[in-house]
Every structure is written in structure tokens, then in C-alpha cells.
Amino acid sequence: MLFYEIKITYQRQTGESNPSSVKETYLVEGLTIADVENRLMDELRPYMFGDTEVPSCKKAQFYDIIPSPEGDRWFKARVEMITIDDSGKEKRKGVSILIEAATIDDAMQNLRKQLSHVDCEVVSVTRSPIMEVLRAV
């Protein structure tokens, strides 16, 4: 299965006031763009009012996704994996890893724990716009 990053704009009821327009990003696992868009619409339907637009849906390339029960937001880490080829020359390959955590410090701690057995260098960790990751069942 593949992951797709979907950006969606819709009207959401927030309290007793009029619905407000929200723009959110989700990571959804599925086989096709149509499949993941339908799954996301089913998930958000109870909160949606009025017009809905999906301005972007693209394949997402993540080396790993690290969930955490204590986390409430997602962080994107850029990591260089280090290997040594047969001639002894060092090779570096950049990958992206998505980490769920409460803070950036927690994200770094979760990342270090997950990669403790791997020779790598963390290049950056930033807050991701992803609201939620919806995995296929």
C-alpha cells in the first residue's frame, strides 16, 4: 500500500457560531487516489458542512512512520542513512520519517530510540502540517 498526502478545504462547525472554513492535511494509506479521497471524506463527513475541495493529493515518500500514544501532532524528520559500500566508501541516503509526539523534544527522543541500531545522522526535525494518519485496515 502507498501513502498519500491529501490537502482538504471544507466548512467545519466549530461551536455555536457559523461554520468556518478550514484547510487541513492528512496522510492516508490506500491503493489509489480515489480510494484515499473516499476514505478521508467518510472520516470527515460528520464534521463537514457546505462546499468541500481537495486541492492536492500526492504520493508521500516516508521511510518510516513512528506513532506514539502520547503524541498529538506530527513531526517530519530528515535523516541521512549512512552505509559503507564494498570499496569502503561511505554512502549517504536522505530519507523522511514521520514522528508522532507532543513536542519537538519528544519527537527527537522517539526518533533516536527508533534509530538507535542504525548508523544515521538527523539533519532536521520540523512540525508537519499533517493532522492525522489514516492507515488501511
N, C-alpha and C. Protein backbone atom coordinates (compact mmCIF):
# COMPACT_ATOMS: atom_id res chain seq x y z
N MET A 1 0.84 -1.18 0.00
CA MET A 1 0.00 0.00 0.00
C MET A 1 0.89 1.24 0.00
N LEU A 2 0.32 2.31 -0.50
CA LEU A 2 1.01 3.59 -0.57
C LEU A 2 0.37 4.58 0.39
N PHE A 3 1.12 5.61 0.72
CA PHE A 3 0.58 6.72 1.49
C PHE A 3 0.42 7.92 0.58
N TYR A 4 -0.68 8.62 0.76
CA TYR A 4 -0.96 9.84 0.01
C TYR A 4 -1.17 10.99 0.98
N GLU A 5 -0.57 12.12 0.65
CA GLU A 5 -0.77 13.34 1.43
C GLU A 5 -1.89 14.13 0.77
N ILE A 6 -2.98 14.32 1.51
CA ILE A 6 -4.17 14.98 0.96
C ILE A 6 -4.40 16.28 1.69
N LYS A 7 -4.54 17.36 0.91
CA LYS A 7 -4.92 18.65 1.47
C LYS A 7 -6.40 18.85 1.15
N ILE A 8 -7.16 19.23 2.17
CA ILE A 8 -8.60 19.38 2.00
C ILE A 8 -9.05 20.70 2.62
N THR A 9 -10.00 21.35 1.95
CA THR A 9 -10.62 22.57 2.45
C THR A 9 -12.11 22.29 2.57
N TYR A 10 -12.66 22.59 3.75
CA TYR A 10 -14.09 22.35 3.95
C TYR A 10 -14.64 23.27 5.03
N GLN A 11 -15.95 23.33 5.12
CA GLN A 11 -16.63 24.10 6.15
C GLN A 11 -16.81 23.18 7.35
N ARG A 12 -16.38 23.64 8.53
CA ARG A 12 -16.48 22.83 9.75
C ARG A 12 -17.22 23.62 10.82
N GLN A 13 -18.15 22.93 11.46
CA GLN A 13 -18.90 23.55 12.56
C GLN A 13 -18.00 23.60 13.79
N THR A 14 -17.78 24.81 14.30
CA THR A 14 -16.95 24.97 15.49
C THR A 14 -17.76 25.71 16.54
N GLY A 15 -18.35 24.98 17.45
CA GLY A 15 -19.17 25.60 18.49
C GLY A 15 -20.52 26.02 17.97
N GLU A 16 -21.06 27.10 18.54
CA GLU A 16 -22.39 27.56 18.17
C GLU A 16 -22.38 28.59 17.04
N SER A 17 -21.22 29.09 16.67
CA SER A 17 -21.14 30.09 15.62
C SER A 17 -21.31 29.44 14.24
N ASN A 18 -21.31 30.26 13.22
CA ASN A 18 -21.43 29.76 11.85
C ASN A 18 -20.24 28.87 11.51
N PRO A 19 -20.42 27.92 10.58
CA PRO A 19 -19.29 27.08 10.17
C PRO A 19 -18.15 27.93 9.63
N SER A 20 -16.92 27.51 9.90
CA SER A 20 -15.76 28.23 9.39
C SER A 20 -15.00 27.35 8.42
N SER A 21 -14.31 27.99 7.50
CA SER A 21 -13.54 27.27 6.50
C SER A 21 -12.21 26.84 7.12
N VAL A 22 -11.87 25.55 6.96
CA VAL A 22 -10.60 25.03 7.46
C VAL A 22 -9.84 24.36 6.32
N LYS A 23 -8.52 24.47 6.41
CA LYS A 23 -7.63 23.80 5.47
C LYS A 23 -6.77 22.85 6.28
N GLU A 24 -6.84 21.56 5.97
CA GLU A 24 -6.11 20.56 6.74
C GLU A 24 -5.39 19.59 5.81
N THR A 25 -4.37 18.96 6.34
CA THR A 25 -3.59 17.98 5.59
C THR A 25 -3.64 16.65 6.34
N TYR A 26 -3.88 15.57 5.60
CA TYR A 26 -3.95 14.23 6.16
C TYR A 26 -3.04 13.30 5.37
N LEU A 27 -2.55 12.27 6.03
CA LEU A 27 -1.79 11.22 5.38
C LEU A 27 -2.67 9.97 5.42
N VAL A 28 -3.02 9.45 4.22
CA VAL A 28 -3.96 8.34 4.13
C VAL A 28 -3.32 7.21 3.34
N GLU A 29 -3.43 6.00 3.88
CA GLU A 29 -2.89 4.81 3.22
C GLU A 29 -3.95 4.20 2.33
N GLY A 30 -3.58 3.84 1.11
CA GLY A 30 -4.51 3.22 0.19
C GLY A 30 -3.86 2.84 -1.12
N LEU A 31 -4.67 2.28 -2.02
CA LEU A 31 -4.15 1.82 -3.31
C LEU A 31 -4.16 2.89 -4.38
N THR A 32 -5.21 3.73 -4.38
CA THR A 32 -5.35 4.74 -5.42
C THR A 32 -5.75 6.07 -4.81
N ILE A 33 -5.63 7.12 -5.59
CA ILE A 33 -6.04 8.45 -5.14
C ILE A 33 -7.54 8.45 -4.85
N ALA A 34 -8.33 7.83 -5.70
CA ALA A 34 -9.79 7.79 -5.47
C ALA A 34 -10.11 7.07 -4.17
N ASP A 35 -9.41 5.99 -3.89
CA ASP A 35 -9.62 5.22 -2.66
C ASP A 35 -9.33 6.08 -1.42
N VAL A 36 -8.21 6.77 -1.40
CA VAL A 36 -7.85 7.54 -0.21
C VAL A 36 -8.73 8.78 -0.05
N GLU A 37 -9.13 9.39 -1.16
CA GLU A 37 -10.04 10.53 -1.07
C GLU A 37 -11.39 10.10 -0.49
N ASN A 38 -11.91 8.96 -0.94
CA ASN A 38 -13.18 8.45 -0.41
C ASN A 38 -13.07 8.12 1.08
N ARG A 39 -11.96 7.49 1.48
CA ARG A 39 -11.77 7.17 2.89
C ARG A 39 -11.72 8.42 3.75
N LEU A 40 -11.03 9.45 3.26
CA LEU A 40 -10.94 10.70 4.02
C LEU A 40 -12.30 11.38 4.12
N MET A 41 -13.04 11.41 3.02
CA MET A 41 -14.38 12.01 3.03
C MET A 41 -15.29 11.28 4.02
N ASP A 42 -15.23 9.95 4.05
CA ASP A 42 -16.03 9.18 5.00
C ASP A 42 -15.65 9.53 6.44
N GLU A 43 -14.36 9.70 6.68
CA GLU A 43 -13.87 10.01 8.02
C GLU A 43 -14.32 11.41 8.48
N LEU A 44 -14.31 12.37 7.57
CA LEU A 44 -14.62 13.76 7.93
C LEU A 44 -16.08 14.15 7.76
N ARG A 45 -16.88 13.31 7.10
CA ARG A 45 -18.27 13.65 6.78
C ARG A 45 -19.06 14.19 7.99
N PRO A 46 -18.94 13.61 9.20
CA PRO A 46 -19.72 14.13 10.33
C PRO A 46 -19.40 15.59 10.69
N TYR A 47 -18.24 16.09 10.27
CA TYR A 47 -17.81 17.45 10.63
C TYR A 47 -17.98 18.45 9.49
N MET A 48 -18.35 17.97 8.31
CA MET A 48 -18.35 18.80 7.11
C MET A 48 -19.71 19.46 6.87
N PHE A 49 -19.66 20.71 6.44
CA PHE A 49 -20.84 21.45 6.01
C PHE A 49 -20.49 22.18 4.72
N GLY A 50 -21.42 22.23 3.80
CA GLY A 50 -21.21 23.02 2.58
C GLY A 50 -20.15 22.46 1.65
N ASP A 51 -19.46 23.38 1.00
CA ASP A 51 -18.50 23.03 -0.05
C ASP A 51 -17.25 22.36 0.52
N THR A 52 -16.74 21.42 -0.28
CA THR A 52 -15.51 20.72 0.06
C THR A 52 -14.62 20.72 -1.17
N GLU A 53 -13.33 20.92 -0.96
CA GLU A 53 -12.39 20.93 -2.07
C GLU A 53 -11.13 20.17 -1.67
N VAL A 54 -10.61 19.38 -2.60
CA VAL A 54 -9.34 18.68 -2.40
C VAL A 54 -8.35 19.27 -3.41
N PRO A 55 -7.62 20.32 -3.01
CA PRO A 55 -6.72 20.98 -3.96
C PRO A 55 -5.46 20.19 -4.28
N SER A 56 -5.13 19.19 -3.42
CA SER A 56 -3.89 18.47 -3.64
C SER A 56 -3.99 17.05 -3.06
N CYS A 57 -3.52 16.09 -3.85
CA CYS A 57 -3.40 14.71 -3.39
C CYS A 57 -2.20 14.11 -4.11
N LYS A 58 -1.16 13.79 -3.33
CA LYS A 58 0.06 13.29 -3.95
C LYS A 58 0.65 12.15 -3.13
N LYS A 59 1.42 11.30 -3.77
CA LYS A 59 2.09 10.21 -3.07
C LYS A 59 3.08 10.80 -2.08
N ALA A 60 3.14 10.19 -0.93
CA ALA A 60 4.07 10.62 0.11
C ALA A 60 5.15 9.56 0.26
N GLN A 61 6.37 10.01 0.35
CA GLN A 61 7.51 9.10 0.48
C GLN A 61 8.08 9.19 1.89
N PHE A 62 7.70 8.25 2.75
CA PHE A 62 8.25 8.20 4.10
C PHE A 62 8.98 6.88 4.28
N TYR A 63 10.17 6.94 4.79
CA TYR A 63 10.96 5.75 5.09
C TYR A 63 10.31 4.97 6.23
N ASP A 64 9.76 5.73 7.20
CA ASP A 64 9.11 5.10 8.34
C ASP A 64 8.11 6.08 8.94
N ILE A 65 7.11 5.54 9.64
CA ILE A 65 6.14 6.34 10.38
C ILE A 65 6.17 5.82 11.81
N ILE A 66 6.45 6.71 12.76
CA ILE A 66 6.60 6.33 14.15
C ILE A 66 5.45 6.91 14.96
N PRO A 67 4.42 6.10 15.26
CA PRO A 67 3.30 6.59 16.06
C PRO A 67 3.65 6.59 17.55
N SER A 68 2.90 7.38 18.32
CA SER A 68 3.10 7.42 19.77
C SER A 68 1.75 7.68 20.44
N PRO A 69 1.38 6.88 21.44
CA PRO A 69 0.10 7.11 22.11
C PRO A 69 0.05 8.44 22.86
N GLU A 70 1.20 8.98 23.25
CA GLU A 70 1.25 10.26 23.95
C GLU A 70 1.24 11.45 23.00
N GLY A 71 1.46 11.21 21.71
CA GLY A 71 1.58 12.30 20.75
C GLY A 71 0.24 12.84 20.29
N ASP A 72 0.23 14.12 19.96
CA ASP A 72 -0.98 14.74 19.42
C ASP A 72 -0.70 15.57 18.18
N ARG A 73 0.54 15.53 17.69
CA ARG A 73 0.90 16.21 16.44
C ARG A 73 2.01 15.43 15.75
N TRP A 74 2.23 15.77 14.51
CA TRP A 74 3.20 15.03 13.70
C TRP A 74 4.38 15.92 13.35
N PHE A 75 5.57 15.31 13.36
CA PHE A 75 6.80 15.99 13.01
C PHE A 75 7.47 15.22 11.87
N LYS A 76 8.12 15.96 10.99
CA LYS A 76 8.82 15.34 9.86
C LYS A 76 10.32 15.49 10.09
N ALA A 77 11.01 14.35 10.08
CA ALA A 77 12.46 14.35 10.25
C ALA A 77 13.12 14.04 8.92
N ARG A 78 14.19 14.74 8.66
CA ARG A 78 15.03 14.45 7.51
C ARG A 78 16.28 13.78 8.07
N VAL A 79 16.55 12.55 7.61
CA VAL A 79 17.64 11.75 8.16
C VAL A 79 18.51 11.24 7.03
N GLU A 80 19.83 11.26 7.23
CA GLU A 80 20.75 10.67 6.27
C GLU A 80 21.19 9.31 6.79
N MET A 81 20.82 8.26 6.05
CA MET A 81 21.25 6.90 6.38
C MET A 81 22.66 6.71 5.84
N ILE A 82 23.53 6.16 6.66
CA ILE A 82 24.94 6.02 6.28
C ILE A 82 25.27 4.54 6.12
N THR A 83 25.81 4.21 4.95
CA THR A 83 26.27 2.84 4.69
C THR A 83 27.68 2.89 4.12
N ILE A 84 28.35 1.77 4.18
CA ILE A 84 29.69 1.64 3.60
C ILE A 84 29.61 0.61 2.48
N ASP A 85 30.03 1.01 1.27
CA ASP A 85 29.96 0.06 0.15
C ASP A 85 31.15 -0.90 0.19
N ASP A 86 31.22 -1.80 -0.79
CA ASP A 86 32.26 -2.84 -0.82
C ASP A 86 33.68 -2.27 -0.88
N SER A 87 33.83 -1.10 -1.46
CA SER A 87 35.16 -0.50 -1.57
C SER A 87 35.53 0.30 -0.32
N GLY A 88 34.63 0.36 0.66
CA GLY A 88 34.91 1.08 1.90
C GLY A 88 34.51 2.53 1.87
N LYS A 89 33.84 2.93 0.79
CA LYS A 89 33.43 4.33 0.64
C LYS A 89 32.08 4.54 1.34
N GLU A 90 31.99 5.66 2.06
CA GLU A 90 30.76 5.99 2.77
C GLU A 90 29.70 6.52 1.79
N LYS A 91 28.48 5.99 1.93
CA LYS A 91 27.34 6.44 1.11
C LYS A 91 26.28 6.98 2.05
N ARG A 92 25.66 8.09 1.66
CA ARG A 92 24.59 8.69 2.46
C ARG A 92 23.33 8.79 1.60
N LYS A 93 22.21 8.38 2.20
CA LYS A 93 20.93 8.45 1.51
C LYS A 93 19.96 9.21 2.41
N GLY A 94 19.39 10.29 1.88
CA GLY A 94 18.43 11.08 2.64
C GLY A 94 17.04 10.47 2.60
N VAL A 95 16.41 10.36 3.77
CA VAL A 95 15.05 9.83 3.86
C VAL A 95 14.23 10.73 4.79
N SER A 96 12.91 10.65 4.64
CA SER A 96 11.99 11.38 5.52
C SER A 96 11.29 10.39 6.44
N ILE A 97 11.16 10.76 7.70
CA ILE A 97 10.48 9.93 8.69
C ILE A 97 9.44 10.80 9.39
N LEU A 98 8.24 10.26 9.54
CA LEU A 98 7.15 10.97 10.21
C LEU A 98 7.04 10.44 11.65
N ILE A 99 7.03 11.38 12.61
CA ILE A 99 7.03 11.00 14.02
C ILE A 99 5.87 11.69 14.73
N GLU A 100 5.11 10.91 15.50
CA GLU A 100 4.04 11.48 16.31
C GLU A 100 4.60 11.76 17.70
N ALA A 101 4.34 12.96 18.21
CA ALA A 101 4.84 13.33 19.54
C ALA A 101 4.08 14.55 20.04
N ALA A 102 4.27 14.85 21.33
CA ALA A 102 3.64 16.03 21.92
C ALA A 102 4.48 17.28 21.68
N THR A 103 5.80 17.13 21.67
CA THR A 103 6.71 18.26 21.47
C THR A 103 7.84 17.85 20.53
N ILE A 104 8.59 18.82 20.07
CA ILE A 104 9.71 18.51 19.19
C ILE A 104 10.78 17.72 19.95
N ASP A 105 10.95 17.99 21.24
CA ASP A 105 11.90 17.22 22.05
C ASP A 105 11.48 15.76 22.15
N ASP A 106 10.17 15.52 22.35
CA ASP A 106 9.66 14.15 22.37
C ASP A 106 9.87 13.47 21.02
N ALA A 107 9.66 14.23 19.93
CA ALA A 107 9.86 13.68 18.58
C ALA A 107 11.31 13.24 18.40
N MET A 108 12.26 14.08 18.84
CA MET A 108 13.68 13.71 18.73
C MET A 108 13.98 12.47 19.57
N GLN A 109 13.41 12.40 20.75
CA GLN A 109 13.63 11.23 21.62
C GLN A 109 13.05 9.97 20.99
N ASN A 110 11.83 10.04 20.45
CA ASN A 110 11.21 8.89 19.77
C ASN A 110 12.03 8.46 18.56
N LEU A 111 12.52 9.44 17.82
CA LEU A 111 13.33 9.16 16.62
C LEU A 111 14.64 8.47 17.01
N ARG A 112 15.31 9.01 18.00
CA ARG A 112 16.58 8.41 18.44
C ARG A 112 16.39 6.97 18.94
N LYS A 113 15.30 6.75 19.67
CA LYS A 113 15.01 5.40 20.17
C LYS A 113 14.77 4.44 19.00
N GLN A 114 14.00 4.88 18.00
CA GLN A 114 13.68 4.04 16.85
C GLN A 114 14.92 3.74 16.01
N LEU A 115 15.83 4.71 15.92
CA LEU A 115 17.00 4.56 15.05
C LEU A 115 18.28 4.22 15.81
N SER A 116 18.15 3.78 17.05
CA SER A 116 19.33 3.52 17.88
C SER A 116 20.26 2.46 17.28
N HIS A 117 19.74 1.56 16.49
CA HIS A 117 20.53 0.48 15.90
C HIS A 117 20.99 0.78 14.47
N VAL A 118 20.72 2.01 13.99
CA VAL A 118 21.02 2.37 12.61
C VAL A 118 22.08 3.47 12.59
N ASP A 119 23.03 3.35 11.67
CA ASP A 119 24.05 4.39 11.50
C ASP A 119 23.44 5.50 10.64
N CYS A 120 23.14 6.63 11.27
CA CYS A 120 22.48 7.72 10.55
C CYS A 120 22.78 9.05 11.23
N GLU A 121 22.39 10.12 10.53
CA GLU A 121 22.54 11.47 11.05
C GLU A 121 21.23 12.21 10.85
N VAL A 122 20.69 12.77 11.93
CA VAL A 122 19.46 13.56 11.84
C VAL A 122 19.82 14.94 11.31
N VAL A 123 19.24 15.30 10.17
CA VAL A 123 19.53 16.59 9.54
C VAL A 123 18.60 17.67 10.06
N SER A 124 17.29 17.33 10.17
CA SER A 124 16.33 18.32 10.65
C SER A 124 15.07 17.62 11.16
N VAL A 125 14.38 18.31 12.07
CA VAL A 125 13.07 17.87 12.54
C VAL A 125 12.20 19.12 12.58
N THR A 126 11.07 19.07 11.86
CA THR A 126 10.16 20.21 11.80
C THR A 126 8.73 19.76 12.04
N ARG A 127 7.90 20.69 12.45
CA ARG A 127 6.47 20.41 12.65
C ARG A 127 5.85 20.16 11.28
N SER A 128 5.06 19.12 11.18
CA SER A 128 4.39 18.76 9.93
C SER A 128 2.96 19.31 9.95
N PRO A 129 2.42 19.68 8.80
CA PRO A 129 1.02 20.13 8.76
C PRO A 129 0.02 18.99 8.84
N ILE A 130 0.50 17.75 8.86
CA ILE A 130 -0.40 16.58 8.86
C ILE A 130 -1.19 16.53 10.17
N MET A 131 -2.52 16.48 10.04
CA MET A 131 -3.41 16.44 11.20
C MET A 131 -3.51 15.02 11.77
N GLU A 132 -3.59 14.04 10.86
CA GLU A 132 -3.81 12.66 11.29
C GLU A 132 -3.31 11.72 10.20
N VAL A 133 -2.91 10.52 10.62
CA VAL A 133 -2.51 9.46 9.70
C VAL A 133 -3.60 8.40 9.74
N LEU A 134 -4.18 8.11 8.57
CA LEU A 134 -5.22 7.10 8.47
C LEU A 134 -4.65 5.90 7.74
N ARG A 135 -4.43 4.83 8.51
CA ARG A 135 -3.86 3.61 7.95
C ARG A 135 -4.96 2.71 7.42
N ALA A 136 -4.64 1.91 6.42
CA ALA A 136 -5.58 0.93 5.86
C ALA A 136 -5.80 -0.16 6.89
N VAL A 137 -7.00 -0.70 6.90
CA VAL A 137 -7.30 -1.78 7.85
C VAL A 137 -7.28 -3.11 7.18
